């Protein structure tokens, strides 16, 4: 056998074996397959039943800082009264260990969600999810005496600073803890629903531009004082949970809500 012919024969056999081994070897999973696909969520997805007919809210709390059952029941009733979800609305509690933070930055909060969130929206099954985190420390961006009680920081993500809520509730001259928890939780979910001018268009202009995405009606749930520790005391005079005013209700109905 001539050396040149022998060389090409060996090369050809090696090539065949290489491709055969390549075909027989099981492929490794695509890393992206293990990560929930990016789903764009809009306020209309919560309000209407067109794209999603059921909602599950994952309520993650640091151990010892769980919201009261009364507040969770109130939140569920609030959502059922405003959202068109024929498949139902459920709240799923989850407990997480304390991250050991003296205060939470927004980046801290997002990292906690990335680590502990387990439920994600599935458009194919028309299942929508949201995330609530009840934290055991204050917000790191607080300024002065007034502290943030809650923040809606994503299309379906919210945090309640439960330690702060407890500090400003349950005492003399303060609202009860369930009332303050309910007020803040419903207020933050109102932002997720697009209020005010936050993804849900206004039927008539009622935005308090000075205070961002809030209602200009001082008796409305979406008034800015609902999420700040200082003014919330006067805002909740009488111990009643505020309701959405007619302008906010009209906005939600105009965007697919009840």
Protein backbone atom coordinates (compact mmCIF):
# COMPACT_ATOMS: atom_id res chain seq x y z
CA UNK A 1 0.00 0.00 0.00
CA UNK A 2 1.42 3.33 -1.01
CA UNK A 3 2.15 5.70 1.88
CA UNK A 4 -0.03 8.51 0.46
CA UNK A 5 -3.02 6.19 -0.04
CA UNK A 6 -2.55 4.74 3.46
CA UNK A 7 -2.57 8.28 4.91
CA UNK A 8 -5.88 9.22 3.29
CA UNK A 9 -7.42 5.87 4.28
CA UNK A 10 -6.58 6.42 7.96
CA UNK A 11 -7.80 10.03 7.74
CA UNK A 12 -11.11 8.93 6.24
CA UNK A 13 -11.76 6.22 8.85
CA UNK A 14 -10.89 8.65 11.64
CA UNK A 15 -13.31 11.23 10.26
CA UNK A 16 -16.15 8.66 10.09
CA UNK A 17 -15.50 7.55 13.68
CA UNK A 18 -15.36 11.18 14.85
CA UNK A 19 -18.75 12.09 13.39
CA UNK A 20 -20.31 8.84 14.58
CA UNK A 21 -19.10 9.45 18.14
CA UNK A 22 -20.38 13.01 17.89
CA UNK A 23 -23.84 11.79 16.90
CA UNK A 24 -24.02 9.09 19.56
CA UNK A 25 -22.89 11.33 22.45
CA UNK A 26 -25.88 12.79 24.36
CA UNK A 27 -26.04 16.57 24.03
CA UNK A 28 -25.79 18.72 27.15
CA UNK A 29 -28.86 20.77 28.05
CA UNK A 30 -28.92 24.36 26.92
CA UNK A 31 -28.39 26.51 30.03
CA UNK A 32 -31.24 28.73 28.89
CA UNK A 33 -33.61 25.76 29.16
CA UNK A 34 -33.15 25.78 32.93
CA UNK A 35 -34.06 29.46 33.23
CA UNK A 36 -37.69 30.63 32.91
CA UNK A 37 -38.24 32.31 29.57
CA UNK A 38 -38.52 36.08 29.70
CA UNK A 39 -42.19 37.01 29.70
CA UNK A 40 -43.28 40.63 29.30
CA UNK A 41 -46.07 41.42 31.77
CA UNK A 42 -48.36 44.43 31.43
CA UNK A 43 -51.09 45.79 33.73
CA UNK A 44 -53.74 44.54 31.29
CA UNK A 45 -52.47 40.99 31.85
CA UNK A 46 -53.52 41.32 35.49
CA UNK A 47 -56.77 43.14 34.86
CA UNK A 48 -58.25 41.19 31.97
CA UNK A 49 -58.65 37.48 31.33
CA UNK A 50 -57.57 37.67 27.71
CA UNK A 51 -53.98 36.45 28.08
CA UNK A 52 -54.12 34.97 31.59
CA UNK A 53 -57.19 33.53 33.30
CA UNK A 54 -55.62 32.76 36.69
CA UNK A 55 -53.24 34.48 39.08
CA UNK A 56 -50.95 33.13 41.80
CA UNK A 57 -49.18 35.53 44.14
CA UNK A 58 -46.07 34.11 45.80
CA UNK A 59 -45.78 35.73 49.23
CA UNK A 60 -42.23 35.23 50.52
CA UNK A 61 -41.54 36.38 54.07
CA UNK A 62 -38.44 36.41 56.22
CA UNK A 63 -39.04 34.03 59.11
CA UNK A 64 -40.74 35.92 61.92
CA UNK A 65 -41.92 38.73 59.64
CA UNK A 66 -44.92 37.10 58.00
CA UNK A 67 -47.94 39.29 57.22
CA UNK A 68 -51.12 38.71 59.19
CA UNK A 69 -53.74 36.34 57.81
CA UNK A 70 -56.21 39.22 57.88
CA UNK A 71 -54.04 41.30 55.55
CA UNK A 72 -53.60 38.41 53.12
CA UNK A 73 -57.34 37.72 53.09
CA UNK A 74 -58.00 41.41 52.45
CA UNK A 75 -55.49 41.47 49.59
CA UNK A 76 -57.09 38.42 47.96
CA UNK A 77 -60.55 39.98 48.24
CA UNK A 78 -59.22 43.23 46.75
CA UNK A 79 -57.75 41.40 43.75
CA UNK A 80 -60.88 39.33 43.21
CA UNK A 81 -62.98 42.50 43.14
CA UNK A 82 -60.83 44.15 40.45
CA UNK A 83 -59.36 41.40 38.25
CA UNK A 84 -61.04 39.21 35.65
CA UNK A 85 -59.58 35.80 36.49
CA UNK A 86 -62.10 33.00 35.91
CA UNK A 87 -59.43 30.43 36.82
CA UNK A 88 -59.09 31.90 40.27
CA UNK A 89 -56.67 33.94 42.36
CA UNK A 90 -54.44 32.29 44.94
CA UNK A 91 -51.81 33.38 47.46
CA UNK A 92 -48.95 30.97 48.14
CA UNK A 93 -46.89 31.66 51.29
CA UNK A 94 -43.17 30.91 51.40
CA UNK A 95 -40.66 31.33 54.23
CA UNK A 96 -37.04 32.31 53.72
CA UNK A 97 -34.15 32.75 56.17
CA UNK A 98 -33.06 36.26 57.04
CA UNK A 99 -30.41 37.59 54.65
CA UNK A 100 -28.94 39.41 57.66
CA UNK A 101 -29.25 42.89 56.19
CA UNK A 102 -29.36 46.02 58.34
CA UNK A 103 -31.20 47.68 55.44
CA UNK A 104 -32.21 46.63 51.94
CA UNK A 105 -31.11 48.34 48.75
CA UNK A 106 -33.17 47.81 45.62
CA UNK A 107 -30.37 45.65 44.28
CA UNK A 108 -30.55 43.49 47.43
CA UNK A 109 -34.29 43.04 46.95
CA UNK A 110 -33.91 42.00 43.32
CA UNK A 111 -31.22 39.46 44.20
CA UNK A 112 -33.46 37.91 46.86
CA UNK A 113 -36.21 37.52 44.30
CA UNK A 114 -33.79 35.91 41.84
CA UNK A 115 -32.68 33.44 44.52
CA UNK A 116 -35.97 32.50 46.13
CA UNK A 117 -38.78 33.05 43.63
CA UNK A 118 -40.18 29.73 42.46
CA UNK A 119 -43.34 30.61 40.53
CA UNK A 120 -43.25 32.19 37.07
CA UNK A 121 -45.87 33.22 34.53
CA UNK A 122 -46.74 30.75 31.77
CA UNK A 123 -48.53 32.31 28.77
CA UNK A 124 -49.20 28.91 27.17
CA UNK A 125 -51.19 27.77 30.21
CA UNK A 126 -52.56 31.28 30.82
CA UNK A 127 -51.08 31.29 34.34
CA UNK A 128 -49.94 34.64 35.70
CA UNK A 129 -47.77 35.09 38.79
CA UNK A 130 -46.64 37.94 41.02
CA UNK A 131 -44.05 38.16 43.81
CA UNK A 132 -44.35 39.81 47.22
CA UNK A 133 -41.38 39.98 49.61
CA UNK A 134 -41.95 40.87 53.26
CA UNK A 135 -38.62 42.14 54.58
CA UNK A 136 -37.09 42.21 58.05
CA UNK A 137 -35.30 45.56 57.69
CA UNK A 138 -35.87 49.09 56.43
CA UNK A 139 -35.28 50.44 52.94
CA UNK A 140 -31.70 51.64 52.48
CA UNK A 141 -32.81 54.75 50.56
CA UNK A 142 -34.91 56.19 53.38
CA UNK A 143 -34.34 59.88 54.01
CA UNK A 144 -35.24 61.82 57.12
CA UNK A 145 -37.89 60.62 59.55
CA UNK A 146 -40.31 59.21 56.97
CA UNK A 147 -39.63 55.63 55.88
CA UNK A 148 -40.84 53.71 52.85
CA UNK A 149 -43.40 51.07 53.77
CA UNK A 150 -43.43 49.35 50.40
CA UNK A 151 -42.23 49.54 46.81
CA UNK A 152 -43.45 48.10 43.51
CA UNK A 153 -40.18 47.69 41.63
CA UNK A 154 -41.08 45.56 38.62
CA UNK A 155 -44.01 44.59 36.39
CA UNK A 156 -45.02 41.86 38.88
CA UNK A 157 -42.69 42.38 41.86
CA UNK A 158 -43.25 44.16 45.17
CA UNK A 159 -41.65 44.48 48.58
CA UNK A 160 -43.24 45.36 51.92
CA UNK A 161 -40.85 46.50 54.63
CA UNK A 162 -42.61 44.52 57.33
CA UNK A 163 -40.23 45.59 60.09
CA UNK A 164 -41.08 49.21 59.29
CA UNK A 165 -44.80 48.44 59.06
CA UNK A 166 -44.74 46.92 62.54
CA UNK A 167 -42.84 49.90 63.90
CA UNK A 168 -45.60 52.25 62.80
CA UNK A 169 -48.64 50.12 63.65
CA UNK A 170 -50.31 48.50 66.61
CA UNK A 171 -49.39 51.17 69.12
CA UNK A 172 -51.25 54.08 70.68
CA UNK A 173 -52.39 56.53 68.01
CA UNK A 174 -51.29 54.12 65.27
CA UNK A 175 -53.36 52.00 62.87
CA UNK A 176 -53.57 48.29 63.59
CA UNK A 177 -50.94 46.12 61.92
CA UNK A 178 -53.48 44.33 59.64
CA UNK A 179 -54.89 47.68 58.49
CA UNK A 180 -51.46 49.10 57.66
CA UNK A 181 -50.29 45.87 56.01
CA UNK A 182 -53.44 45.75 53.90
CA UNK A 183 -53.20 49.40 52.90
CA UNK A 184 -49.57 49.13 51.79
CA UNK A 185 -50.02 45.77 50.03
CA UNK A 186 -53.09 46.94 48.10
CA UNK A 187 -51.41 50.26 47.28
CA UNK A 188 -48.34 48.54 45.82
CA UNK A 189 -50.50 46.13 43.85
CA UNK A 190 -52.34 49.17 42.54
CA UNK A 191 -49.07 50.27 40.94
CA UNK A 192 -48.71 46.80 39.39
CA UNK A 193 -52.19 47.28 37.93
CA UNK A 194 -50.94 50.45 36.25
CA UNK A 195 -52.08 53.15 38.66
CA UNK A 196 -51.71 56.05 38.38
CA UNK A 197 -50.72 56.59 34.75
CA UNK A 198 -48.24 53.76 35.32
CA UNK A 199 -49.19 51.54 32.39
CA UNK A 200 -52.94 51.96 32.66
CA UNK A 201 -54.14 55.06 30.85
CA UNK A 202 -56.17 57.64 32.74
CA UNK A 203 -59.74 58.22 31.61
CA UNK A 204 -59.43 61.71 33.03
CA UNK A 205 -56.31 63.32 34.42
CA UNK A 206 -56.02 62.70 38.17
CA UNK A 207 -52.29 62.15 38.61
CA UNK A 208 -50.44 63.85 41.44
CA UNK A 209 -47.41 64.61 39.28
CA UNK A 210 -45.49 66.10 42.20
CA UNK A 211 -45.51 62.73 43.95
CA UNK A 212 -45.07 60.49 40.92
CA UNK A 213 -47.53 57.77 39.95
CA UNK A 214 -50.14 58.61 42.55
CA UNK A 215 -53.71 59.87 42.72
CA UNK A 216 -54.46 63.47 43.62
CA UNK A 217 -57.43 62.45 45.79
CA UNK A 218 -56.34 62.52 49.44
CA UNK A 219 -58.92 59.85 50.34
CA UNK A 220 -57.90 57.39 47.61
CA UNK A 221 -55.88 54.22 48.22
CA UNK A 222 -53.41 55.42 45.58
CA UNK A 223 -52.62 58.68 47.40
CA UNK A 224 -48.87 58.98 47.97
CA UNK A 225 -49.14 58.99 51.78
CA UNK A 226 -50.18 55.32 51.80
CA UNK A 227 -46.60 54.10 51.40
CA UNK A 228 -44.74 56.48 53.75
CA UNK A 229 -44.50 56.02 57.50
CA UNK A 230 -44.84 59.68 58.52
CA UNK A 231 -47.98 60.84 56.71
CA UNK A 232 -49.68 57.44 56.76
CA UNK A 233 -50.73 57.94 60.40
CA UNK A 234 -52.99 60.86 59.47
CA UNK A 235 -53.96 59.19 56.20
CA UNK A 236 -55.44 56.24 58.10
CA UNK A 237 -57.30 58.29 60.69
CA UNK A 238 -60.22 56.23 61.92
CA UNK A 239 -58.48 52.91 61.28
CA UNK A 240 -60.18 52.26 57.95
CA UNK A 241 -58.50 50.79 54.90
CA UNK A 242 -58.89 53.34 52.08
CA UNK A 243 -60.56 52.39 48.81
CA UNK A 244 -59.79 53.30 45.23
CA UNK A 245 -61.61 56.45 44.17
CA UNK A 246 -63.87 56.55 41.13
CA UNK A 247 -61.16 57.86 38.81
CA UNK A 248 -58.85 54.95 39.65
CA UNK A 249 -61.73 52.48 39.29
CA UNK A 250 -62.59 53.93 35.88
CA UNK A 251 -58.97 53.57 34.77
CA UNK A 252 -58.87 49.90 35.76
CA UNK A 253 -62.17 49.11 34.07
CA UNK A 254 -61.01 50.89 30.93
CA UNK A 255 -57.96 48.59 30.84
CA UNK A 256 -59.82 45.30 31.21
CA UNK A 257 -60.58 45.19 34.93
CA UNK A 258 -63.89 44.85 36.76
